[in-house]
Amino acid sequence: MVDDDLTFGQGVFGVLVAFVFGTVAGLYGTLVTGFVLSKLWLWHAVSHFGVQPIPWQQFGVLALAFGLLRYRSTKGHDDRTKLEKFSERIVLFVLPWIALAVGWVLA
């Protein structure tokens, strides 16, 4: 028997869309974090301490590894509203670029 009361997020299509968006967001976060960290390293550590530059790809892998180490399951009850969850995602999207701008100003 097919349940006609399924909403968008409850069906198989909703799961696939969530998987695709989650994958794209994860890749974006890894790549942007690697890029920003490599620029900050180049502007500050290389110029001040004379250490070797590190490519953005290696920083991206480090960001991915540390992200896996600090991962916390969200299976419990979450009391945040949809607006609070959305705001957190926007901050995570914009925060690396703000860090890059501040690092550029301080360089």
N, C-alpha and C. Protein backbone atom coordinates (compact mmCIF):
# COMPACT_ATOMS: atom_id res chain seq x y z
N MET A 1 0.85 -1.18 0.00
CA MET A 1 0.00 0.00 0.00
C MET A 1 0.89 1.24 0.00
N VAL A 2 0.59 2.20 -0.83
CA VAL A 2 1.36 3.42 -0.94
C VAL A 2 0.71 4.50 -0.09
N ASP A 3 1.53 5.17 0.71
CA ASP A 3 1.03 6.24 1.56
C ASP A 3 1.05 7.55 0.77
N ASP A 4 -0.13 8.10 0.49
CA ASP A 4 -0.22 9.33 -0.29
C ASP A 4 0.06 10.58 0.53
N ASP A 5 0.26 10.44 1.84
CA ASP A 5 0.48 11.60 2.70
C ASP A 5 1.96 11.92 2.89
N LEU A 6 2.84 11.29 2.12
CA LEU A 6 4.27 11.57 2.25
C LEU A 6 4.57 12.99 1.77
N THR A 7 5.38 13.68 2.53
CA THR A 7 5.81 15.00 2.10
C THR A 7 7.13 14.87 1.37
N PHE A 8 7.63 15.99 0.84
CA PHE A 8 8.87 16.00 0.05
C PHE A 8 10.03 15.39 0.83
N GLY A 9 10.20 15.78 2.07
CA GLY A 9 11.35 15.34 2.85
C GLY A 9 11.27 13.91 3.33
N GLN A 10 10.13 13.27 3.23
CA GLN A 10 9.98 11.92 3.76
C GLN A 10 10.19 10.84 2.72
N GLY A 11 10.16 11.16 1.47
CA GLY A 11 10.29 10.16 0.42
C GLY A 11 11.73 9.89 0.05
N VAL A 12 11.90 8.95 -0.84
CA VAL A 12 13.23 8.58 -1.33
C VAL A 12 13.88 9.76 -2.04
N PHE A 13 13.08 10.51 -2.79
CA PHE A 13 13.62 11.68 -3.49
C PHE A 13 14.18 12.70 -2.50
N GLY A 14 13.50 12.89 -1.40
CA GLY A 14 13.97 13.81 -0.37
C GLY A 14 15.29 13.36 0.23
N VAL A 15 15.44 12.07 0.43
CA VAL A 15 16.69 11.53 0.97
C VAL A 15 17.82 11.74 -0.03
N LEU A 16 17.55 11.51 -1.30
CA LEU A 16 18.58 11.71 -2.33
C LEU A 16 18.99 13.18 -2.45
N VAL A 17 18.01 14.07 -2.39
CA VAL A 17 18.31 15.49 -2.45
C VAL A 17 19.13 15.91 -1.25
N ALA A 18 18.77 15.44 -0.07
CA ALA A 18 19.53 15.76 1.14
C ALA A 18 20.95 15.22 1.04
N PHE A 19 21.12 14.03 0.48
CA PHE A 19 22.45 13.46 0.32
C PHE A 19 23.30 14.30 -0.63
N VAL A 20 22.71 14.70 -1.74
CA VAL A 20 23.45 15.51 -2.73
C VAL A 20 23.84 16.86 -2.12
N PHE A 21 22.89 17.53 -1.48
CA PHE A 21 23.20 18.83 -0.87
C PHE A 21 24.22 18.69 0.25
N GLY A 22 24.12 17.63 1.03
CA GLY A 22 25.10 17.40 2.09
C GLY A 22 26.48 17.15 1.54
N THR A 23 26.57 16.40 0.46
CA THR A 23 27.86 16.13 -0.17
C THR A 23 28.46 17.40 -0.75
N VAL A 24 27.64 18.19 -1.44
CA VAL A 24 28.13 19.45 -2.02
C VAL A 24 28.57 20.40 -0.91
N ALA A 25 27.80 20.50 0.15
CA ALA A 25 28.17 21.38 1.26
C ALA A 25 29.46 20.91 1.93
N GLY A 26 29.62 19.61 2.09
CA GLY A 26 30.85 19.08 2.67
C GLY A 26 32.07 19.36 1.81
N LEU A 27 31.92 19.18 0.50
CA LEU A 27 33.03 19.48 -0.41
C LEU A 27 33.35 20.97 -0.41
N TYR A 28 32.31 21.79 -0.42
CA TYR A 28 32.52 23.24 -0.36
C TYR A 28 33.30 23.60 0.90
N GLY A 29 32.86 23.09 2.04
CA GLY A 29 33.53 23.40 3.30
C GLY A 29 34.97 22.97 3.31
N THR A 30 35.26 21.79 2.79
CA THR A 30 36.62 21.28 2.76
C THR A 30 37.50 22.11 1.84
N LEU A 31 37.02 22.40 0.64
CA LEU A 31 37.82 23.16 -0.32
C LEU A 31 38.04 24.60 0.13
N VAL A 32 36.99 25.24 0.61
CA VAL A 32 37.13 26.63 1.04
C VAL A 32 38.02 26.72 2.27
N THR A 33 37.87 25.81 3.21
CA THR A 33 38.72 25.82 4.40
C THR A 33 40.17 25.61 4.01
N GLY A 34 40.44 24.69 3.10
CA GLY A 34 41.81 24.47 2.63
C GLY A 34 42.38 25.70 1.96
N PHE A 35 41.58 26.37 1.13
CA PHE A 35 42.04 27.58 0.45
C PHE A 35 42.34 28.69 1.45
N VAL A 36 41.41 28.93 2.37
CA VAL A 36 41.58 30.01 3.35
C VAL A 36 42.78 29.73 4.25
N LEU A 37 42.91 28.51 4.74
CA LEU A 37 44.04 28.19 5.61
C LEU A 37 45.38 28.32 4.88
N SER A 38 45.42 27.93 3.61
CA SER A 38 46.67 28.05 2.87
C SER A 38 47.05 29.51 2.66
N LYS A 39 46.07 30.37 2.41
CA LYS A 39 46.35 31.80 2.26
C LYS A 39 46.82 32.40 3.58
N LEU A 40 46.13 32.07 4.67
CA LEU A 40 46.55 32.58 5.97
C LEU A 40 47.95 32.09 6.33
N TRP A 41 48.25 30.84 6.03
CA TRP A 41 49.58 30.28 6.27
C TRP A 41 50.63 31.03 5.44
N LEU A 42 50.31 31.25 4.18
CA LEU A 42 51.24 31.95 3.29
C LEU A 42 51.48 33.38 3.74
N TRP A 43 50.43 34.08 4.12
CA TRP A 43 50.56 35.48 4.49
C TRP A 43 51.26 35.67 5.83
N HIS A 44 51.06 34.74 6.76
CA HIS A 44 51.56 34.96 8.11
C HIS A 44 52.73 34.04 8.48
N ALA A 45 52.56 32.75 8.37
CA ALA A 45 53.62 31.83 8.81
C ALA A 45 54.82 31.86 7.88
N VAL A 46 54.59 31.85 6.58
CA VAL A 46 55.71 31.82 5.63
C VAL A 46 56.49 33.13 5.69
N SER A 47 55.76 34.24 5.69
CA SER A 47 56.46 35.53 5.67
C SER A 47 57.13 35.87 7.00
N HIS A 48 56.58 35.44 8.12
CA HIS A 48 57.13 35.79 9.42
C HIS A 48 58.16 34.79 9.94
N PHE A 49 57.96 33.52 9.66
CA PHE A 49 58.81 32.49 10.25
C PHE A 49 59.69 31.78 9.22
N GLY A 50 59.48 32.04 7.95
CA GLY A 50 60.30 31.43 6.91
C GLY A 50 60.06 29.95 6.71
N VAL A 51 58.89 29.44 7.07
CA VAL A 51 58.57 28.04 6.87
C VAL A 51 58.09 27.83 5.44
N GLN A 52 57.98 26.59 5.03
CA GLN A 52 57.55 26.26 3.67
C GLN A 52 56.05 26.49 3.51
N PRO A 53 55.63 26.96 2.34
CA PRO A 53 54.19 27.07 2.08
C PRO A 53 53.56 25.68 1.98
N ILE A 54 52.31 25.60 2.33
CA ILE A 54 51.55 24.35 2.27
C ILE A 54 50.43 24.55 1.25
N PRO A 55 50.31 23.65 0.26
CA PRO A 55 49.24 23.81 -0.75
C PRO A 55 47.85 23.71 -0.13
N TRP A 56 46.88 24.33 -0.79
CA TRP A 56 45.51 24.34 -0.28
C TRP A 56 44.92 22.94 -0.22
N GLN A 57 45.37 22.05 -1.12
CA GLN A 57 44.84 20.69 -1.11
C GLN A 57 45.20 19.97 0.18
N GLN A 58 46.41 20.18 0.66
CA GLN A 58 46.83 19.54 1.91
C GLN A 58 46.08 20.12 3.11
N PHE A 59 45.85 21.42 3.08
CA PHE A 59 45.03 22.01 4.15
C PHE A 59 43.59 21.50 4.08
N GLY A 60 43.10 21.27 2.88
CA GLY A 60 41.75 20.72 2.74
C GLY A 60 41.65 19.33 3.34
N VAL A 61 42.67 18.51 3.13
CA VAL A 61 42.69 17.17 3.72
C VAL A 61 42.78 17.27 5.24
N LEU A 62 43.61 18.19 5.74
CA LEU A 62 43.70 18.38 7.19
C LEU A 62 42.36 18.84 7.77
N ALA A 63 41.69 19.76 7.07
CA ALA A 63 40.39 20.23 7.53
C ALA A 63 39.38 19.08 7.56
N LEU A 64 39.42 18.24 6.55
CA LEU A 64 38.53 17.09 6.50
C LEU A 64 38.82 16.12 7.65
N ALA A 65 40.11 15.87 7.90
CA ALA A 65 40.49 14.95 8.97
C ALA A 65 40.06 15.49 10.34
N PHE A 66 40.33 16.77 10.60
CA PHE A 66 39.93 17.34 11.89
C PHE A 66 38.41 17.43 12.01
N GLY A 67 37.73 17.66 10.90
CA GLY A 67 36.27 17.65 10.93
C GLY A 67 35.72 16.29 11.30
N LEU A 68 36.35 15.24 10.80
CA LEU A 68 35.92 13.88 11.16
C LEU A 68 36.19 13.59 12.63
N LEU A 69 37.29 14.11 13.14
CA LEU A 69 37.63 13.87 14.55
C LEU A 69 36.68 14.59 15.50
N ARG A 70 36.16 15.72 15.09
CA ARG A 70 35.27 16.47 15.99
C ARG A 70 33.79 16.26 15.67
N TYR A 71 33.47 15.33 14.80
CA TYR A 71 32.08 15.05 14.43
C TYR A 71 31.29 14.58 15.64
N ARG A 72 30.10 15.11 15.78
CA ARG A 72 29.18 14.70 16.84
C ARG A 72 27.85 14.32 16.20
N SER A 73 27.31 13.22 16.63
CA SER A 73 26.03 12.78 16.11
C SER A 73 24.92 13.70 16.61
N THR A 74 23.94 13.96 15.76
CA THR A 74 22.81 14.81 16.13
C THR A 74 21.53 13.99 16.19
N LYS A 75 21.64 12.76 16.65
CA LYS A 75 20.46 11.91 16.70
C LYS A 75 19.52 12.28 17.84
N GLY A 76 20.02 12.99 18.83
CA GLY A 76 19.19 13.39 19.96
C GLY A 76 18.21 14.48 19.58
N HIS A 77 17.40 14.86 20.53
CA HIS A 77 16.40 15.90 20.29
C HIS A 77 17.09 17.25 20.18
N ASP A 78 16.76 17.99 19.16
CA ASP A 78 17.34 19.30 18.91
C ASP A 78 16.27 20.36 19.16
N ASP A 79 16.50 21.23 20.13
CA ASP A 79 15.51 22.23 20.50
C ASP A 79 15.58 23.50 19.67
N ARG A 80 16.53 23.57 18.75
CA ARG A 80 16.67 24.78 17.95
C ARG A 80 15.54 24.90 16.93
N THR A 81 15.17 26.14 16.63
CA THR A 81 14.14 26.37 15.62
C THR A 81 14.78 26.23 14.23
N LYS A 82 13.94 26.20 13.22
CA LYS A 82 14.43 26.11 11.84
C LYS A 82 15.27 27.34 11.49
N LEU A 83 14.87 28.50 11.99
CA LEU A 83 15.63 29.73 11.73
C LEU A 83 17.02 29.65 12.36
N GLU A 84 17.12 29.12 13.56
CA GLU A 84 18.42 28.99 14.21
C GLU A 84 19.32 28.01 13.46
N LYS A 85 18.76 26.91 12.99
CA LYS A 85 19.54 25.95 12.21
C LYS A 85 19.99 26.55 10.89
N PHE A 86 19.11 27.28 10.23
CA PHE A 86 19.45 27.93 8.97
C PHE A 86 20.52 29.00 9.18
N SER A 87 20.40 29.78 10.24
CA SER A 87 21.39 30.81 10.55
C SER A 87 22.76 30.20 10.79
N GLU A 88 22.81 29.07 11.46
CA GLU A 88 24.09 28.39 11.70
C GLU A 88 24.72 27.96 10.38
N ARG A 89 23.92 27.48 9.46
CA ARG A 89 24.46 27.07 8.16
C ARG A 89 24.98 28.26 7.36
N ILE A 90 24.29 29.38 7.44
CA ILE A 90 24.75 30.59 6.75
C ILE A 90 26.08 31.05 7.34
N VAL A 91 26.20 31.03 8.65
CA VAL A 91 27.45 31.44 9.30
C VAL A 91 28.58 30.51 8.88
N LEU A 92 28.34 29.21 8.83
CA LEU A 92 29.38 28.27 8.41
C LEU A 92 29.77 28.48 6.96
N PHE A 93 28.85 28.98 6.14
CA PHE A 93 29.12 29.25 4.73
C PHE A 93 29.98 30.50 4.56
N VAL A 94 29.75 31.52 5.38
CA VAL A 94 30.39 32.82 5.24
C VAL A 94 31.65 32.96 6.09
N LEU A 95 31.73 32.25 7.20
CA LEU A 95 32.83 32.42 8.16
C LEU A 95 34.23 32.28 7.57
N PRO A 96 34.51 31.30 6.70
CA PRO A 96 35.86 31.23 6.14
C PRO A 96 36.24 32.48 5.35
N TRP A 97 35.29 33.08 4.65
CA TRP A 97 35.59 34.28 3.86
C TRP A 97 35.84 35.48 4.77
N ILE A 98 35.16 35.54 5.90
CA ILE A 98 35.42 36.61 6.87
C ILE A 98 36.81 36.43 7.46
N ALA A 99 37.19 35.20 7.78
CA ALA A 99 38.53 34.93 8.29
C ALA A 99 39.59 35.31 7.26
N LEU A 100 39.33 35.03 5.99
CA LEU A 100 40.27 35.40 4.94
C LEU A 100 40.41 36.91 4.83
N ALA A 101 39.31 37.63 4.92
CA ALA A 101 39.35 39.09 4.85
C ALA A 101 40.13 39.67 6.03
N VAL A 102 39.88 39.18 7.22
CA VAL A 102 40.60 39.66 8.40
C VAL A 102 42.09 39.34 8.27
N GLY A 103 42.42 38.15 7.82
CA GLY A 103 43.82 37.78 7.63
C GLY A 103 44.51 38.64 6.59
N TRP A 104 43.78 39.00 5.55
CA TRP A 104 44.34 39.86 4.50
C TRP A 104 44.62 41.25 5.05
N VAL A 105 43.70 41.77 5.86
CA VAL A 105 43.88 43.09 6.46
C VAL A 105 45.08 43.09 7.39
N LEU A 106 45.26 42.03 8.16
CA LEU A 106 46.35 41.95 9.12
C LEU A 106 47.69 41.61 8.48
N ALA A 107 47.67 41.15 7.23
CA ALA A 107 48.92 40.78 6.57
C ALA A 107 49.62 41.99 6.20
